[in-house]
Amino acid sequence: MKRPDPIELEFFRQLLVSIPEEMGVVLRKTAFSANIKERRDYSCAVYDAQARTIAMGDHMPVHLGAMPLSVEHVLRQFDLRPGDVAVVNDPFAGGTHLPDITAVAGVFPDQSRPAAFYVAARAHHSDVGGMSPGSMPLAREIYQEGLRLPPILLVREGKLDDGLMRLILANVRTPDEREGDLLAQWMAMERGAARLTEAVARYGLPRLNANVTALADYAQRRMTAALKSLPAGCYRFEDSLDEGVTIRASITISDGRATVDFSGTDPQVAGPVNANYAVTLSAVFYVFRCLLDGDVPANAGLLRPITVVAPAGSVVNANPPAAMAAGNVETSQRITDVLLGALSTAAPQLIPAASQGTMNNLSFGGDGFAWYETIAGGMGAAQNCDGQSAVHTHMTNSWNTPIEAFEHSHPVRVRAYHVRRGSGGAGRHRGGDGIVREIEFLAPADVTILADRRVRPPYGLDGGQPGALGRTLLRTGGKSRVLAGKIRLDVQPGDLLRIETPGGGGFGLE
């Protein structure tokens, strides 16, 4: 076999990565919601004709590892034609949780059939209906969480399905915003398809596909080499969510391969912390990608040497009709903590202490408004450095919500927003500090908080101390009370919500 030219390979790698990055720019600039425009809670990627990942933007890890399953489910349902755009959010059909709606379209150079490539964009919508504003409720089954979309065509041969759009908008609290965000996803599809079509016209489909194959093979070789550099063995770890739901994993490494087995993990529960296989696979993809040194292409080749075992009916591979809202955001973080904990024995020089381990999900709504955001915290310290403070870590890669945008679009006032000094775990290297965020409500609102690490702190490593627990307080009528990590409540004008996010764990003895 002829060895690929490394210069050409790098050229095509950069070309392919630029396409989902540009799709993300289009999505961000045309979206209506602050959640997409400001927090950048979206992800875009490009796939080959078999729905295998070719390239992805530098977006949300919890989205990107799961999105290939959405594309696969769409292709099982439809033989996409030029101009078709399918949408899906069903966690039992490749989605993750209902607010994450994924749009998928085929790419047809010269109107050829079948599609030569596929493009996809996943965006977190600030409300998709359900029992609580923001669609992140304390649900017991998925039917309570919002509008559930199996793979369905929103656009048929370039024409919007007005009936389907009306159906979606009739089931959400902020229809104008949802319509704008869905149309923005359509435009991201258009841009991705246009750029891939241009690439085929300029370089030819055989040459482009040859480099796609070579890049996947290169990624596989890099992952295999990274696994071979680790001592062979079986490494185990477990950690629990605040409710006592325990996730157990064993990672067996041998001859350049790894098997990740979640057998022994607790069964799915009647609550929102269930994750599906797509979320679990996404966490595995993220963690093992972190083992690689340097800038390695993020494509399907990375997972070839890795086998994932996630028992059906467990909290990491729940069956219908399990509620899923927090699985994507909280359970994914705990899966990541467990996998990193297991690998800390095999590669202590690479693995940091636990980061905050939660996304501190805040959603609320009232008369004509709905809001959703995640709040940053502390990063775990590593063998050679302190953890960073006030950052989003691991499965989330979203941005800070600017106070100006927050206050402009919703009836709130931000009273405090600063680093939570001293919340990082002590050690030779200290964990990063969390954040304090105080929000005063100016109108009545229905509030839901899905947060973790309020009972079990982020662990330290090699003698380092754990990070500080998170804490949530509500001040009303001049009195403050500590709230549960996961809670729904009604607030009135003048009520003050204070969220103190966890710090990261420390590393090493002081």
Protein backbone atom coordinates (compact mmCIF):
# COMPACT_ATOMS: atom_id res chain seq x y z
CA MET A 1 0.00 0.00 0.00
CA LYS A 2 1.28 3.43 -0.93
CA ARG A 3 2.05 5.52 2.14
CA PRO A 4 -0.01 8.76 2.25
CA ASP A 5 1.88 11.96 1.69
CA PRO A 6 2.03 13.61 5.15
CA ILE A 7 1.75 17.13 3.77
CA GLU A 8 -1.31 16.27 1.72
CA LEU A 9 -2.79 14.42 4.69
CA GLU A 10 -2.41 17.45 6.94
CA PHE A 11 -3.87 19.70 4.28
CA PHE A 12 -7.00 17.58 3.98
CA ARG A 13 -7.27 17.25 7.75
CA GLN A 14 -7.38 21.02 8.11
CA LEU A 15 -9.77 21.33 5.18
CA LEU A 16 -12.20 18.83 6.67
CA VAL A 17 -12.05 20.31 10.17
CA SER A 18 -12.73 23.78 8.78
CA ILE A 19 -16.13 22.64 7.50
CA PRO A 20 -17.81 21.79 10.84
CA GLU A 21 -16.11 24.83 12.37
CA GLU A 22 -17.68 27.05 9.71
CA MET A 23 -21.02 25.30 10.18
CA GLY A 24 -20.78 26.24 13.86
CA VAL A 25 -20.15 29.87 13.00
CA VAL A 26 -23.22 29.96 10.77
CA LEU A 27 -25.33 28.31 13.45
CA ARG A 28 -24.14 30.69 16.15
CA LYS A 29 -24.59 33.84 14.11
CA THR A 30 -28.05 32.99 12.81
CA ALA A 31 -29.54 31.45 15.98
CA PHE A 32 -32.03 33.37 18.10
CA SER A 33 -31.31 32.05 21.60
CA ALA A 34 -28.57 33.23 23.94
CA ASN A 35 -27.95 29.59 24.76
CA ILE A 36 -26.60 29.07 21.24
CA LYS A 37 -25.37 32.56 20.40
CA GLU A 38 -23.61 33.25 23.71
CA ARG A 39 -23.06 29.93 25.50
CA ARG A 40 -22.28 28.09 22.24
CA ASP A 41 -24.19 25.01 23.32
CA TYR A 42 -23.98 23.29 19.93
CA SER A 43 -21.81 20.92 17.94
CA CYS A 44 -21.23 20.23 14.25
CA ALA A 45 -19.57 17.33 12.46
CA VAL A 46 -19.05 15.68 9.07
CA TYR A 47 -19.58 11.97 8.29
CA ASP A 48 -18.77 9.63 5.44
CA ALA A 49 -21.29 7.63 3.44
CA GLN A 50 -21.43 4.98 6.20
CA ALA A 51 -22.12 7.58 8.93
CA ARG A 52 -18.58 7.33 10.33
CA THR A 53 -17.12 10.52 11.77
CA ILE A 54 -14.70 12.30 9.44
CA ALA A 55 -14.18 15.57 11.30
CA MET A 56 -15.77 17.55 14.10
CA GLY A 57 -15.66 21.11 15.33
CA ASP A 58 -14.05 22.07 18.62
CA HIS A 59 -17.46 22.05 20.25
CA MET A 60 -19.20 19.97 22.99
CA PRO A 61 -17.63 16.60 23.89
CA VAL A 62 -20.91 15.17 25.20
CA HIS A 63 -22.52 15.91 21.83
CA LEU A 64 -19.75 14.87 19.49
CA GLY A 65 -19.16 11.31 20.62
CA ALA A 66 -22.89 10.61 20.56
CA MET A 67 -23.88 12.24 17.26
CA PRO A 68 -22.87 9.34 14.96
CA LEU A 69 -25.69 7.29 16.50
CA SER A 70 -28.17 10.03 15.57
CA VAL A 71 -26.94 9.94 11.99
CA GLU A 72 -27.20 6.15 11.92
CA HIS A 73 -30.80 6.23 13.18
CA VAL A 74 -31.75 8.85 10.60
CA LEU A 75 -30.29 6.70 7.82
CA ARG A 76 -32.21 3.66 9.05
CA GLN A 77 -35.40 5.65 8.72
CA PHE A 78 -34.77 7.64 5.53
CA ASP A 79 -32.98 7.42 2.23
CA LEU A 80 -32.12 11.11 2.33
CA ARG A 81 -32.51 13.01 -0.93
CA PRO A 82 -30.89 16.30 -1.98
CA GLY A 83 -32.40 19.11 0.06
CA ASP A 84 -33.72 16.86 2.86
CA VAL A 85 -32.99 17.74 6.48
CA ALA A 86 -33.99 15.30 9.21
CA VAL A 87 -34.23 16.18 12.90
CA VAL A 88 -34.15 13.88 15.94
CA ASN A 89 -33.92 14.25 19.70
CA ASP A 90 -35.23 10.88 20.93
CA PRO A 91 -32.64 9.38 23.34
CA PHE A 92 -33.76 5.94 22.22
CA ALA A 93 -33.02 6.77 18.60
CA GLY A 94 -29.52 8.19 18.86
CA GLY A 95 -30.30 11.36 20.81
CA THR A 96 -29.05 12.22 24.30
CA HIS A 97 -31.71 14.27 26.08
CA LEU A 98 -34.72 16.01 24.60
CA PRO A 99 -33.40 19.63 24.52
CA ASP A 100 -30.60 18.48 22.19
CA ILE A 101 -32.10 18.45 18.70
CA THR A 102 -29.87 17.08 15.96
CA ALA A 103 -30.26 18.05 12.30
CA VAL A 104 -28.85 15.70 9.63
CA ALA A 105 -28.51 16.19 5.87
CA GLY A 106 -26.86 14.38 3.00
CA VAL A 107 -24.26 15.83 0.62
CA PHE A 108 -24.77 15.06 -3.06
CA PRO A 109 -21.99 16.38 -5.32
CA ASP A 110 -23.41 16.93 -8.80
CA GLN A 111 -26.78 15.69 -7.41
CA SER A 112 -25.32 12.16 -7.37
CA ARG A 113 -27.11 9.40 -5.46
CA PRO A 114 -26.62 8.10 -2.84
CA ALA A 115 -25.09 10.72 -0.58
CA ALA A 116 -21.31 10.93 -0.61
CA PHE A 117 -21.20 12.49 2.88
CA TYR A 118 -23.48 13.60 5.70
CA VAL A 119 -23.41 16.71 7.86
CA ALA A 120 -25.00 17.14 11.28
CA ALA A 121 -25.54 19.90 13.82
CA ARG A 122 -26.77 19.37 17.37
CA ALA A 123 -28.06 22.34 19.37
CA HIS A 124 -29.42 22.53 22.90
CA HIS A 125 -32.81 24.26 22.71
CA SER A 126 -33.72 26.30 25.78
CA ASP A 127 -37.19 24.75 25.90
CA VAL A 128 -38.82 21.79 24.18
CA GLY A 129 -41.94 21.63 26.34
CA GLY A 130 -42.52 19.18 29.16
CA MET A 131 -43.44 19.68 32.79
CA SER A 132 -40.90 22.44 33.60
CA PRO A 133 -39.64 25.53 31.76
CA GLY A 134 -36.28 24.80 30.20
CA SER A 135 -37.20 21.13 29.74
CA MET A 136 -34.78 19.85 32.40
CA PRO A 137 -37.37 18.61 34.92
CA LEU A 138 -37.29 16.25 37.87
CA ALA A 139 -39.12 13.72 35.75
CA ARG A 140 -39.72 10.03 36.38
CA GLU A 141 -40.26 9.08 32.74
CA ILE A 142 -39.34 10.59 29.41
CA TYR A 143 -42.92 11.55 28.53
CA GLN A 144 -42.72 14.30 31.17
CA GLU A 145 -39.55 15.84 29.76
CA GLY A 146 -40.78 17.44 26.56
CA LEU A 147 -41.54 16.92 22.89
CA ARG A 148 -39.90 13.69 21.68
CA LEU A 149 -38.89 13.62 18.03
CA PRO A 150 -38.00 10.34 16.33
CA PRO A 151 -36.06 10.81 13.08
CA ILE A 152 -38.40 12.95 10.97
CA LEU A 153 -37.98 15.22 7.95
CA LEU A 154 -38.22 18.91 8.76
CA VAL A 155 -37.15 19.88 5.23
CA ARG A 156 -38.12 17.85 2.14
CA GLU A 157 -36.14 18.49 -1.03
CA GLY A 158 -35.45 22.05 0.06
CA LYS A 159 -38.98 22.88 1.26
CA LEU A 160 -39.75 23.36 4.94
CA ASP A 161 -42.51 21.12 6.31
CA ASP A 162 -44.75 23.86 7.73
CA GLY A 163 -47.06 21.35 9.40
CA LEU A 164 -44.23 19.74 11.35
CA MET A 165 -42.84 23.12 12.33
CA ARG A 166 -46.26 24.21 13.61
CA LEU A 167 -46.52 21.00 15.61
CA ILE A 168 -43.13 21.60 17.25
CA LEU A 169 -43.85 25.25 17.99
CA ALA A 170 -47.24 24.43 19.51
CA ASN A 171 -45.51 22.31 22.16
CA VAL A 172 -42.82 24.72 23.41
CA ARG A 173 -42.93 27.80 25.62
CA THR A 174 -40.82 30.06 23.39
CA PRO A 175 -41.91 29.32 19.81
CA ASP A 176 -40.23 32.28 18.10
CA GLU A 177 -36.88 31.37 19.59
CA ARG A 178 -37.28 27.68 18.74
CA GLU A 179 -38.19 28.47 15.14
CA GLY A 180 -35.15 30.71 14.78
CA ASP A 181 -32.80 28.10 16.22
CA LEU A 182 -34.17 25.31 14.05
CA LEU A 183 -33.83 27.43 10.92
CA ALA A 184 -30.27 28.26 11.99
CA GLN A 185 -29.50 24.54 12.12
CA TRP A 186 -30.88 24.20 8.60
CA MET A 187 -28.58 26.95 7.41
CA ALA A 188 -25.63 25.18 9.06
CA MET A 189 -26.54 22.09 6.99
CA GLU A 190 -26.57 24.20 3.84
CA ARG A 191 -23.13 25.63 4.55
CA GLY A 192 -21.58 22.26 5.35
CA ALA A 193 -23.00 20.68 2.20
CA ALA A 194 -21.79 23.59 0.08
CA ARG A 195 -18.22 23.39 1.41
CA LEU A 196 -18.02 19.62 0.89
CA THR A 197 -19.41 19.98 -2.63
CA GLU A 198 -16.75 22.60 -3.37
CA ALA A 199 -14.06 20.26 -2.05
CA VAL A 200 -15.24 17.43 -4.31
CA ALA A 201 -15.34 19.75 -7.32
CA ARG A 202 -11.81 20.94 -6.67
CA TYR A 203 -10.04 17.74 -5.64
CA GLY A 204 -12.29 14.93 -6.85
CA LEU A 205 -14.23 12.44 -4.77
CA PRO A 206 -11.66 9.59 -5.04
CA ARG A 207 -8.84 11.78 -3.75
CA LEU A 208 -10.97 13.21 -0.96
CA ASN A 209 -12.16 9.77 0.14
CA ALA A 210 -8.63 8.37 0.01
CA ASN A 211 -7.48 11.03 2.46
CA VAL A 212 -10.53 10.48 4.67
CA THR A 213 -9.57 6.80 4.91
CA ALA A 214 -5.92 7.62 5.55
CA LEU A 215 -6.82 10.06 8.34
CA ALA A 216 -9.00 7.44 10.07
CA ASP A 217 -6.21 4.87 9.78
CA TYR A 218 -3.73 7.38 11.22
CA ALA A 219 -6.02 8.14 14.15
CA GLN A 220 -6.36 4.41 14.81
CA ARG A 221 -2.57 3.96 14.80
CA ARG A 222 -2.13 6.82 17.25
CA MET A 223 -4.73 5.40 19.63
CA THR A 224 -3.21 1.94 19.38
CA ALA A 225 0.24 3.34 20.13
CA ALA A 226 -1.10 5.26 23.14
CA LEU A 227 -2.70 2.10 24.53
CA LYS A 228 0.46 0.08 23.94
CA SER A 229 2.41 2.64 25.99
CA LEU A 230 0.26 1.85 29.04
CA PRO A 231 0.96 -1.17 31.27
CA ALA A 232 -1.31 -4.08 30.45
CA GLY A 233 -3.84 -4.90 33.12
CA CYS A 234 -7.39 -4.42 34.38
CA TYR A 235 -8.08 -1.12 36.14
CA ARG A 236 -11.23 -0.52 38.15
CA PHE A 237 -12.93 2.47 39.72
CA GLU A 238 -16.35 3.50 40.95
CA ASP A 239 -18.02 6.73 41.98
CA SER A 240 -21.56 7.76 42.77
CA LEU A 241 -24.00 10.51 42.06
CA ASP A 242 -25.37 12.33 45.08
CA GLU A 243 -28.47 10.12 45.09
CA GLY A 244 -26.27 7.09 45.69
CA VAL A 245 -26.47 5.79 42.12
CA THR A 246 -23.10 4.11 41.55
CA ILE A 247 -21.22 3.78 38.28
CA ARG A 248 -18.59 1.04 38.11
CA ALA A 249 -16.10 0.52 35.30
CA SER A 250 -13.23 -1.79 34.53
CA ILE A 251 -10.77 -0.93 31.79
CA THR A 252 -8.74 -3.84 30.44
CA ILE A 253 -5.70 -2.83 28.41
CA SER A 254 -3.78 -5.38 26.36
CA ASP A 255 -1.73 -5.27 23.16
CA GLY A 256 -2.91 -1.88 21.98
CA ARG A 257 -6.58 -2.45 22.71
CA ALA A 258 -8.92 -1.47 25.54
CA THR A 259 -12.20 -2.94 26.74
CA VAL A 260 -14.35 -0.62 28.88
CA ASP A 261 -16.89 -2.62 30.85
CA PHE A 262 -19.60 -0.99 32.97
CA SER A 263 -20.95 -4.28 34.35
CA GLY A 264 -21.94 -3.85 37.99
CA THR A 265 -23.24 -0.32 37.43
CA ASP A 266 -26.54 0.34 39.19
CA PRO A 267 -29.83 -0.23 37.36
CA GLN A 268 -31.70 2.66 35.78
CA VAL A 269 -33.81 4.70 38.16
CA ALA A 270 -37.18 6.48 38.24
CA GLY A 271 -35.55 9.88 37.90
CA PRO A 272 -33.72 12.06 35.36
CA VAL A 273 -30.14 10.81 35.90
CA ASN A 274 -30.33 7.92 33.42
CA ALA A 275 -27.93 7.99 30.50
CA ASN A 276 -28.23 6.11 27.24
CA TYR A 277 -25.54 4.24 25.33
CA ALA A 278 -24.82 7.29 23.15
CA VAL A 279 -23.89 9.40 26.20
CA THR A 280 -21.73 6.61 27.63
CA LEU A 281 -19.96 6.11 24.31
CA SER A 282 -19.38 9.86 24.12
CA ALA A 283 -17.68 9.86 27.54
CA VAL A 284 -15.46 6.96 26.52
CA PHE A 285 -14.50 8.72 23.30
CA TYR A 286 -13.63 11.90 25.22
CA VAL A 287 -11.55 10.22 27.92
CA PHE A 288 -9.46 8.11 25.56
CA ARG A 289 -8.95 11.04 23.23
CA CYS A 290 -7.44 12.86 26.22
CA LEU A 291 -4.72 10.18 26.42
CA LEU A 292 -3.28 11.22 23.09
CA ASP A 293 -0.29 13.49 22.88
CA GLY A 294 -0.47 16.25 20.31
CA ASP A 295 -3.14 17.24 17.82
CA VAL A 296 -4.58 13.95 16.56
CA PRO A 297 -7.51 13.93 14.11
CA ALA A 298 -10.80 13.34 15.95
CA ASN A 299 -12.57 10.80 13.78
CA ALA A 300 -14.02 7.30 13.87
CA GLY A 301 -10.56 5.72 13.77
CA LEU A 302 -9.97 6.64 17.41
CA LEU A 303 -12.61 4.18 18.62
CA ARG A 304 -11.53 1.20 16.52
CA PRO A 305 -9.20 -0.25 19.22
CA ILE A 306 -11.81 0.27 21.99
CA THR A 307 -14.71 -1.98 22.95
CA VAL A 308 -17.49 -0.64 25.18
CA VAL A 309 -19.73 -2.91 27.26
CA ALA A 310 -22.72 -1.10 28.81
CA PRO A 311 -25.41 -3.45 30.15
CA ALA A 312 -28.91 -2.64 28.94
CA GLY A 313 -31.18 -1.46 31.72
CA SER A 314 -28.36 0.12 33.70
CA VAL A 315 -28.02 3.82 34.42
CA VAL A 316 -25.40 4.02 31.64
CA ASN A 317 -27.64 2.33 29.04
CA ALA A 318 -31.22 2.87 30.16
CA ASN A 319 -34.27 1.39 28.46
CA PRO A 320 -37.51 3.23 27.62
CA PRO A 321 -39.34 5.01 29.15
CA ALA A 322 -36.51 6.22 31.40
CA ALA A 323 -36.20 9.95 32.03
CA MET A 324 -32.97 11.30 30.56
CA ALA A 325 -32.59 15.04 31.20
CA ALA A 326 -29.68 14.81 33.65
CA GLY A 327 -28.02 11.77 32.10
CA ASN A 328 -26.50 13.90 29.36
CA VAL A 329 -25.17 16.54 31.74
CA GLU A 330 -24.63 15.01 35.20
CA THR A 331 -24.23 11.28 34.64
CA SER A 332 -21.89 11.91 31.71
CA GLN A 333 -19.64 13.84 34.08
CA ARG A 334 -19.64 11.00 36.60
CA ILE A 335 -18.89 8.43 33.90
CA THR A 336 -15.93 10.59 32.94
CA ASP A 337 -14.75 10.79 36.57
CA VAL A 338 -14.97 6.99 36.86
CA LEU A 339 -13.03 6.36 33.65
CA LEU A 340 -10.32 8.84 34.59
CA GLY A 341 -10.15 7.33 38.08
CA ALA A 342 -9.59 3.89 36.59
CA LEU A 343 -6.89 5.16 34.24
CA SER A 344 -5.13 7.09 37.02
CA THR A 345 -3.40 3.85 38.07
CA ALA A 346 -2.32 3.02 34.53
CA ALA A 347 -1.18 6.53 33.61
CA PRO A 348 -0.73 8.70 36.75
CA GLN A 349 1.39 11.14 34.77
CA LEU A 350 -1.54 11.89 32.46
CA ILE A 351 -4.65 11.79 34.62
CA PRO A 352 -5.78 14.76 36.77
CA ALA A 353 -7.80 14.68 39.95
CA ALA A 354 -11.55 15.02 39.59
CA SER A 355 -12.87 18.30 38.25
CA GLN A 356 -16.12 19.75 39.59
CA GLY A 357 -18.07 16.80 38.19
CA THR A 358 -21.31 18.66 37.50
CA MET A 359 -22.69 21.21 35.06
CA ASN A 360 -24.82 22.97 37.72
CA ASN A 361 -27.80 23.07 35.36
CA LEU A 362 -30.11 26.01 35.97
CA SER A 363 -33.37 26.33 34.05
CA PHE A 364 -36.33 28.58 34.72
CA GLY A 365 -39.23 30.24 33.00
CA GLY A 366 -42.34 32.31 33.41
CA ASP A 367 -44.66 34.46 31.37
CA GLY A 368 -43.17 34.41 27.86
CA PHE A 369 -39.60 33.42 28.77
CA ALA A 370 -37.52 30.29 29.36
CA TRP A 371 -33.84 30.00 30.23
CA TYR A 372 -31.18 27.33 30.51
CA GLU A 373 -27.51 27.53 31.40
CA THR A 374 -24.67 25.57 32.90
CA ILE A 375 -22.23 27.13 35.36
CA ALA A 376 -18.47 26.59 35.46
CA GLY A 377 -16.42 25.31 38.38
CA GLY A 378 -12.96 24.07 39.33
CA MET A 379 -10.69 21.83 37.28
CA GLY A 380 -8.80 19.03 38.96
CA ALA A 381 -5.07 19.44 39.59
CA ALA A 382 -2.56 17.24 37.78
CA GLN A 383 0.87 15.83 38.51
CA ASN A 384 2.59 18.91 37.11
CA CYS A 385 0.15 21.80 37.55
CA ASP A 386 -2.66 23.35 39.55
CA GLY A 387 -6.20 23.07 38.26
CA GLN A 388 -7.73 26.03 36.49
CA SER A 389 -10.46 27.99 38.24
CA ALA A 390 -13.91 28.99 36.96
CA VAL A 391 -13.94 26.89 33.79
CA HIS A 392 -16.24 24.39 32.13
CA THR A 393 -14.64 20.96 32.27
CA HIS A 394 -14.80 17.57 30.56
CA MET A 395 -18.11 16.81 28.85
CA THR A 396 -19.16 20.44 28.59
CA ASN A 397 -17.29 23.01 26.56
CA SER A 398 -19.82 25.82 26.72
CA TRP A 399 -19.01 29.45 27.37
CA ASN A 400 -19.90 31.82 30.16
CA THR A 401 -23.24 33.57 29.79
CA PRO A 402 -22.44 37.29 29.66
CA ILE A 403 -24.33 39.21 32.34
CA GLU A 404 -25.41 41.81 29.78
CA ALA A 405 -27.05 39.20 27.54
CA PHE A 406 -28.63 37.41 30.50
CA GLU A 407 -30.18 40.53 32.01
CA HIS A 408 -31.23 41.93 28.65
CA SER A 409 -33.23 38.86 27.62
CA HIS A 410 -34.74 37.77 30.95
CA PRO A 411 -36.29 39.39 34.04
CA VAL A 412 -33.30 38.83 36.33
CA ARG A 413 -30.46 40.80 37.85
CA VAL A 414 -27.06 39.23 38.50
CA ARG A 415 -26.02 40.36 41.99
CA ALA A 416 -22.70 38.53 42.19
CA TYR A 417 -20.48 36.55 39.86
CA HIS A 418 -16.98 35.73 41.05
CA VAL A 419 -14.46 33.01 41.78
CA ARG A 420 -15.19 30.95 44.91
CA ARG A 421 -11.79 31.35 46.55
CA GLY A 422 -10.42 28.38 48.47
CA SER A 423 -12.83 25.83 47.05
CA GLY A 424 -10.14 23.86 45.21
CA GLY A 425 -8.70 20.82 46.98
CA ALA A 426 -5.35 21.21 48.74
CA GLY A 427 -2.28 19.30 47.61
CA ARG A 428 1.14 19.66 46.09
CA HIS A 429 -0.88 21.09 43.24
CA ARG A 430 -4.19 22.70 44.18
CA GLY A 431 -7.48 22.06 42.49
CA GLY A 432 -9.10 24.96 40.67
CA ASP A 433 -11.70 27.06 42.43
CA GLY A 434 -15.40 27.12 41.60
CA ILE A 435 -17.73 30.04 40.99
CA VAL A 436 -20.31 31.99 42.96
CA ARG A 437 -23.32 33.19 40.96
CA GLU A 438 -26.16 35.13 42.59
CA ILE A 439 -29.32 35.83 40.60
CA GLU A 440 -32.18 38.04 41.74
CA PHE A 441 -35.52 37.32 40.10
CA LEU A 442 -37.57 40.31 38.94
CA ALA A 443 -40.65 38.29 37.98
CA PRO A 444 -42.30 35.08 39.19
CA ALA A 445 -40.56 31.99 37.80
CA ASP A 446 -40.63 28.22 37.91
CA VAL A 447 -37.02 27.11 38.62
CA THR A 448 -35.35 23.72 38.24
CA ILE A 449 -31.81 22.94 39.35
CA LEU A 450 -30.02 19.74 38.35
CA ALA A 451 -26.64 19.75 40.06
CA ASP A 452 -24.37 17.20 41.68
CA ARG A 453 -21.30 17.05 43.92
CA ARG A 454 -23.42 18.50 46.76
CA VAL A 455 -22.96 15.32 48.85
CA ARG A 456 -19.92 13.53 47.40
CA PRO A 457 -16.98 15.84 46.65
CA PRO A 458 -14.65 15.69 43.62
CA TYR A 459 -11.85 13.30 44.53
CA GLY A 460 -8.18 14.18 44.87
CA LEU A 461 -5.37 11.95 43.64
CA ASP A 462 -2.04 10.78 45.09
CA GLY A 463 -2.83 12.21 48.51
CA GLY A 464 -4.46 15.39 47.28
CA GLN A 465 -7.58 16.60 49.05
CA PRO A 466 -11.05 16.62 47.49
CA GLY A 467 -12.55 19.80 46.12
CA ALA A 468 -15.21 21.65 48.10
CA LEU A 469 -18.78 20.51 47.74
CA GLY A 470 -21.12 22.68 45.74
CA ARG A 471 -23.97 24.47 47.48
CA THR A 472 -27.20 26.15 46.41
CA LEU A 473 -29.10 28.64 48.57
CA LEU A 474 -32.33 30.59 48.20
CA ARG A 475 -32.88 33.84 50.07
CA THR A 476 -36.48 34.91 50.35
CA GLY A 477 -38.06 37.31 52.81
CA GLY A 478 -34.66 38.03 54.37
CA LYS A 479 -34.02 34.36 55.23
CA SER A 480 -31.72 31.90 53.46
CA ARG A 481 -32.02 28.15 53.16
CA VAL A 482 -29.82 25.52 51.60
CA LEU A 483 -31.47 23.67 48.72
CA ALA A 484 -31.07 20.11 47.53
CA GLY A 485 -28.81 19.60 44.54
CA LYS A 486 -31.74 18.59 42.36
CA ILE A 487 -34.88 20.56 43.07
CA ARG A 488 -37.84 22.37 41.52
CA LEU A 489 -39.21 25.52 43.18
CA ASP A 490 -41.32 28.63 42.58
CA VAL A 491 -39.68 32.02 43.11
CA GLN A 492 -41.09 35.51 43.43
CA PRO A 493 -39.71 38.98 42.59
CA GLY A 494 -36.90 39.82 45.00
CA ASP A 495 -35.91 36.21 45.68
CA LEU A 496 -32.15 35.61 45.40
CA LEU A 497 -30.66 32.34 44.18
CA ARG A 498 -27.00 31.72 45.07
CA ILE A 499 -25.11 28.88 43.37
CA GLU A 500 -21.66 27.96 44.68
CA THR A 501 -20.02 25.47 42.33
CA PRO A 502 -17.56 22.76 43.42
CA GLY A 503 -13.81 23.10 43.27
CA GLY A 504 -11.51 20.57 41.64
CA GLY A 505 -9.59 17.92 43.53
CA GLY A 506 -5.97 18.43 44.58
CA PHE A 507 -3.03 16.31 43.42
CA GLY A 508 -0.26 14.99 45.66
CA LEU A 509 0.67 15.55 49.28
CA GLU A 510 1.52 19.11 50.24
